Protein backbone atom coordinates (compact mmCIF):
# COMPACT_ATOMS: atom_id res chain seq x y z
CA MET A 1 0.17 0.07 -0.18
CA LYS A 2 2.67 1.98 0.48
CA ARG A 3 4.53 1.76 -2.62
CA VAL A 4 1.03 2.84 -4.08
CA PHE A 5 1.30 6.03 -2.05
CA VAL A 6 4.71 6.85 -3.17
CA GLY A 7 3.92 5.97 -6.63
CA TYR A 8 1.13 8.40 -6.50
CA PHE A 9 3.30 11.13 -5.33
CA LEU A 10 5.33 10.64 -7.78
CA ILE A 11 3.00 11.41 -10.27
CA SER A 12 2.25 14.32 -8.86
CA PHE A 13 5.55 15.35 -8.68
CA ILE A 14 5.79 14.94 -12.43
CA ILE A 15 2.55 16.77 -13.03
CA ALA A 16 2.80 19.40 -11.62
CA GLY A 17 6.05 19.97 -13.94
CA CYS A 18 8.94 22.69 -13.30
CA SER A 19 8.78 26.31 -12.89
CA LYS A 20 10.64 29.35 -12.09
CA VAL A 21 11.27 31.36 -9.45
CA PRO A 22 10.50 35.29 -10.10
CA ILE A 23 13.30 37.37 -9.58
CA THR A 24 16.12 34.19 -9.00
CA GLY A 25 15.37 31.96 -11.85
CA ARG A 26 15.68 28.66 -9.66
CA LYS A 27 13.93 25.84 -11.36
CA GLN A 28 11.63 24.36 -8.93
CA VAL A 29 8.51 21.68 -8.69
CA ASN A 30 5.43 22.73 -6.76
CA MET A 31 4.31 19.16 -6.23
CA LEU A 32 1.45 20.35 -4.85
CA PRO A 33 -2.06 22.30 -5.82
CA GLU A 34 -1.69 25.72 -4.60
CA SER A 35 -5.50 25.69 -4.09
CA SER A 36 -5.63 23.15 -1.59
CA LEU A 37 -2.61 24.49 0.60
CA MET A 38 -4.83 27.76 0.05
CA SER A 39 -7.64 26.28 1.40
CA MET A 40 -5.86 25.41 4.70
CA SER A 41 -4.10 28.83 4.53
CA LEU A 42 -7.56 30.12 5.13
CA THR A 43 -8.56 27.78 7.71
CA SER A 44 -5.46 28.02 9.74
CA TYR A 45 -4.99 31.86 9.50
CA GLN A 46 -8.76 32.00 10.82
CA SER A 47 -7.87 30.03 13.80
CA PHE A 48 -5.04 31.92 14.40
CA LEU A 49 -6.50 35.51 14.45
CA THR A 50 -9.30 33.54 16.59
CA GLU A 51 -6.22 32.12 19.35
CA ASN A 52 -4.06 35.10 19.33
CA SER A 53 -4.59 39.17 20.54
CA VAL A 54 -5.15 41.30 17.17
CA VAL A 55 -4.18 44.48 17.81
CA PRO A 56 -7.25 47.04 16.72
CA VAL A 57 -7.19 49.07 12.99
CA ASN A 58 -6.88 52.10 15.02
CA ASP A 59 -3.70 51.81 16.28
CA ASP A 60 -1.21 53.41 14.45
CA ARG A 61 1.32 50.34 14.60
CA THR A 62 -1.45 48.19 12.38
CA ARG A 63 -1.69 51.26 10.14
CA MET A 64 1.58 50.81 9.02
CA VAL A 65 1.83 47.22 8.73
CA LYS A 66 -0.96 47.69 6.41
CA ARG A 67 0.29 50.59 4.64
CA VAL A 68 3.46 49.03 4.20
CA GLY A 69 1.76 45.89 3.38
CA GLU A 70 -0.44 46.96 0.49
CA ARG A 71 1.89 49.38 -0.96
CA ILE A 72 5.01 46.34 -1.44
CA ALA A 73 1.98 43.73 -2.47
CA LYS A 74 1.06 46.03 -5.13
CA ALA A 75 4.57 46.74 -6.18
CA THR A 76 4.70 42.59 -6.80
CA GLU A 77 1.57 42.80 -8.32
CA ALA A 78 2.08 45.41 -10.73
CA TYR A 79 5.98 43.03 -11.84
CA LEU A 80 4.39 39.82 -12.11
CA LYS A 81 1.82 41.29 -14.37
CA GLN A 82 4.57 43.20 -16.41
CA LYS A 83 6.31 39.39 -16.48
CA GLY A 84 3.38 38.27 -17.93
CA ASN A 85 3.01 35.64 -14.09
CA SER A 86 0.37 37.46 -12.41
CA LYS A 87 -1.25 33.32 -12.32
CA ARG A 88 1.47 32.96 -9.46
CA ILE A 89 -0.62 35.03 -7.43
CA LYS A 90 -4.12 33.55 -8.63
CA ASP A 91 -6.86 34.35 -6.07
CA TYR A 92 -4.66 36.20 -3.49
CA LYS A 93 -6.39 38.17 -1.28
CA TRP A 94 -4.18 40.26 0.40
CA GLU A 95 -4.45 40.59 4.26
CA PHE A 96 -1.54 42.39 6.72
CA ASN A 97 -2.43 41.92 10.85
CA LEU A 98 -0.48 42.81 13.69
CA VAL A 99 -0.76 40.46 16.59
CA ASN A 100 0.23 41.14 20.00
CA ASP A 101 3.29 38.98 21.32
CA ASN A 102 6.56 39.50 22.17
CA THR A 103 8.22 36.90 19.87
CA VAL A 104 10.02 38.28 17.14
CA ASN A 105 8.62 36.64 14.16
CA ALA A 106 6.28 37.50 11.11
CA TRP A 107 4.95 34.91 8.19
CA CYS A 108 3.29 34.78 4.78
CA MET A 109 0.44 32.01 3.57
CA PRO A 110 -0.42 31.02 0.81
CA GLY A 111 -3.57 34.00 -0.68
CA GLY A 112 -1.35 36.53 0.74
CA LYS A 113 -2.27 36.13 4.75
CA VAL A 114 0.38 37.82 6.49
CA VAL A 115 0.69 38.58 10.35
CA ILE A 116 3.76 40.64 11.69
CA TYR A 117 4.30 39.80 15.44
CA THR A 118 4.65 42.96 17.76
CA GLY A 119 7.79 41.69 18.70
CA ILE A 120 9.65 42.19 15.39
CA LEU A 121 8.61 45.57 15.93
CA GLU A 122 11.30 46.80 18.27
CA TYR A 123 14.04 45.49 15.59
CA THR A 124 12.19 47.46 12.03
CA LYS A 125 12.09 50.94 14.03
CA ASP A 126 10.42 52.38 11.37
CA GLU A 127 8.67 51.63 8.26
CA GLU A 128 11.34 50.96 6.35
CA GLY A 129 12.79 48.29 8.93
CA LEU A 130 9.18 47.12 8.60
CA ALA A 131 9.43 47.09 4.90
CA VAL A 132 12.47 44.32 4.97
CA VAL A 133 10.65 42.13 7.05
CA MET A 134 7.18 42.74 4.83
CA GLY A 135 8.91 41.97 1.63
CA HIS A 136 10.95 38.98 2.88
CA GLU A 137 7.82 37.78 3.51
CA ILE A 138 6.17 38.05 0.91
CA ALA A 139 8.88 36.65 -1.36
CA HIS A 140 8.05 33.55 0.59
CA ALA A 141 4.75 33.34 -0.44
CA ILE A 142 5.26 34.37 -4.09
CA ALA A 143 8.06 31.93 -4.37
CA ARG A 144 5.51 29.31 -3.09
CA HIS A 145 8.33 27.75 -0.45
CA GLY A 146 5.80 26.48 1.51
CA ASN A 147 4.71 23.83 -1.16
CA GLU A 148 8.18 22.67 -1.40
CA ARG A 149 8.31 22.49 2.19
CA MET A 150 5.22 20.72 2.68
CA SER A 151 6.00 18.68 -0.31
CA GLN A 152 9.18 17.40 1.10
CA GLY A 153 7.64 16.85 4.55
CA LEU A 154 5.13 14.77 2.97
CA MET A 155 8.07 12.45 1.38
CA VAL A 156 9.95 12.73 4.17
CA GLU A 157 8.00 12.27 7.38
CA LEU A 158 4.61 10.80 5.93
CA GLY A 159 6.16 8.05 3.74
CA GLY A 160 5.34 9.93 0.66
CA VAL A 161 1.64 10.26 0.21
CA GLY A 162 -0.67 12.71 -1.30
CA LEU A 163 -2.35 16.11 0.75
CA ALA A 164 -5.61 14.54 0.45
CA VAL A 165 -4.81 11.15 1.97
CA ALA A 166 -2.84 12.75 4.54
CA SER A 167 -5.31 14.78 5.49
CA GLN A 168 -7.58 12.41 6.15
CA ASN A 169 -5.17 9.82 7.41
CA GLN A 170 -3.32 11.99 9.57
CA PRO A 171 -4.84 15.51 10.09
CA GLU A 172 -2.93 16.49 13.09
CA GLN A 173 0.51 15.36 11.39
CA THR A 174 -0.43 16.95 8.30
CA GLN A 175 -1.69 20.09 9.84
CA ASN A 176 1.93 20.31 11.93
CA LEU A 177 3.86 20.19 8.98
CA PHE A 178 1.80 22.82 7.69
CA MET A 179 2.35 24.93 10.37
CA THR A 180 6.01 24.35 10.29
CA ALA A 181 5.98 24.90 6.77
CA TYR A 182 4.67 28.04 6.75
CA GLY A 183 6.98 29.64 9.59
CA LEU A 184 4.50 28.76 12.40
CA GLY A 185 6.47 26.15 14.09
CA THR A 186 10.39 25.12 14.06
CA THR A 187 12.11 21.91 13.58
CA VAL A 188 15.43 20.15 13.34
CA GLY A 189 16.05 17.63 10.70
CA ALA A 190 16.78 16.99 7.01
CA LEU A 191 14.99 19.78 5.78
CA LEU A 192 17.12 22.76 7.18
CA PRO A 193 19.50 23.04 4.34
CA PHE A 194 16.90 23.95 1.89
CA SER A 195 15.27 26.30 4.28
CA ARG A 196 18.52 28.15 4.02
CA LEU A 197 18.14 28.37 0.51
CA HIS A 198 14.81 29.12 1.14
CA GLU A 199 15.82 32.47 3.85
CA SER A 200 18.45 33.05 0.97
CA GLU A 201 16.08 32.96 -2.05
CA ALA A 202 13.21 35.35 0.27
CA ASP A 203 15.59 38.00 1.18
CA GLU A 204 17.02 38.69 -2.74
CA MET A 205 13.06 38.72 -3.74
CA GLY A 206 12.41 41.06 -0.67
CA LEU A 207 14.92 43.20 -1.49
CA ALA A 208 13.98 44.04 -5.02
CA PHE A 209 9.67 44.21 -4.34
CA MET A 210 10.36 46.71 -1.38
CA ALA A 211 12.68 48.77 -3.77
CA MET A 212 9.85 48.60 -6.31
CA ALA A 213 8.12 49.70 -3.74
CA GLY A 214 9.87 53.20 -3.36
CA TYR A 215 11.53 51.46 -0.20
CA ASN A 216 15.05 51.80 0.23
CA PRO A 217 16.73 48.07 0.52
CA GLU A 218 19.87 49.01 1.68
CA LYS A 219 17.84 49.62 5.31
CA ALA A 220 18.07 45.72 5.26
CA ILE A 221 21.39 45.92 6.58
CA ASP A 222 20.54 47.91 9.28
CA PHE A 223 17.87 45.81 10.29
CA TRP A 224 19.55 42.80 10.44
CA THR A 225 22.69 44.37 12.24
CA ARG A 226 20.25 45.11 14.83
CA MET A 227 18.49 41.46 14.82
CA SER A 228 22.47 40.33 15.16
CA LYS A 229 22.67 42.03 18.58
CA ALA A 230 19.67 40.98 19.68
CA GLY A 231 21.44 38.81 22.53
CA GLY A 232 21.54 35.47 23.80
CA ALA A 233 23.64 32.68 21.67
CA SER A 234 23.26 31.89 18.59
CA VAL A 235 22.19 29.10 16.99
CA PRO A 236 25.05 27.46 14.90
CA GLU A 237 24.42 28.10 11.30
CA PHE A 238 24.15 24.10 10.56
CA LEU A 239 21.22 23.78 12.74
CA SER A 240 19.49 27.03 12.02
CA THR A 241 16.59 27.01 9.40
CA HIS A 242 17.89 30.96 8.92
CA PRO A 243 21.73 31.81 7.43
CA SER A 244 23.61 33.30 10.21
CA HIS A 245 23.77 36.73 10.75
CA GLU A 246 26.84 37.41 9.06
CA THR A 247 26.06 35.55 6.34
CA ARG A 248 22.73 36.99 5.27
CA ILE A 249 24.43 40.37 5.67
CA ALA A 250 27.19 40.05 3.18
CA ARG A 251 24.64 38.25 0.70
CA ILE A 252 22.39 41.10 1.24
CA LYS A 253 24.86 43.62 0.30
CA GLU A 254 25.32 41.79 -2.70
CA TYR A 255 22.09 41.34 -3.65
CA LEU A 256 21.59 44.92 -3.13
CA PRO A 257 23.12 46.50 -6.53
CA LYS A 258 20.25 44.22 -8.60
CA ALA A 259 17.25 45.26 -6.71
CA LYS A 260 18.33 48.98 -7.00
CA ALA A 261 18.36 48.07 -10.68
CA MET A 262 14.96 46.45 -10.41
CA GLY A 263 13.69 48.96 -8.12
CA ASN A 264 14.10 51.70 -10.60
CA LYS A 265 13.33 49.40 -13.63
CA TYR A 266 9.66 48.59 -11.94
CA LYS A 267 9.02 51.29 -9.23
CA ILE A 268 5.13 51.40 -9.00
CA GLN A 269 3.76 55.45 -9.32
């Protein structure tokens, strides 16, 4: 029976076909239907908002989150449209919320559901710093990194079964896998190297998106420098799902010329 599941999964892999990630051009295979992941996303997102304290819309911090998010989303949509790749965000309904939580975190689910935690505002400092985080999280969604992570997880952790089978037979494990794939959980294991690739790719794409929205991508260096001084012992890079701060800042400096050029070329009016 397991062979049947694996066979089904591999057939899905082939049917999905290859695509290229915007900006970076990296070839990827999205093994799972985005429509199914968006459905899971909406359910998880609504549950998260119900279970957490959402900062009211009349709060200046929430206004800033929504303003920055909508501006970067508009720039991203315009860029993808110019590139004939609007299908990448088909059926997206952008939504930006700030939750009252001291955790230094942010995430974006399929369909454009973005959550910023108040804990990260200590390090973003201002609108430009928030644009660094927002561009990065939106990039994760546009690049469909969660789809890749979820696909890997089904193969490694659940024996290669398809999403529908996993959801029916192992709903709790599948939900936990989904939450981890989209940044609402943490894990240490075989998926870490790929996750670091995703983080670097989201940095590169996010710099370009924020530049297109009219923000200064150089502010990413300031933001990650502040993060590097946040205190506490750093997790060794080989055990971290993120690149080390030094590695990340060095790569961001390499990405900046391209981001600025793309910002000048595709900047929204």
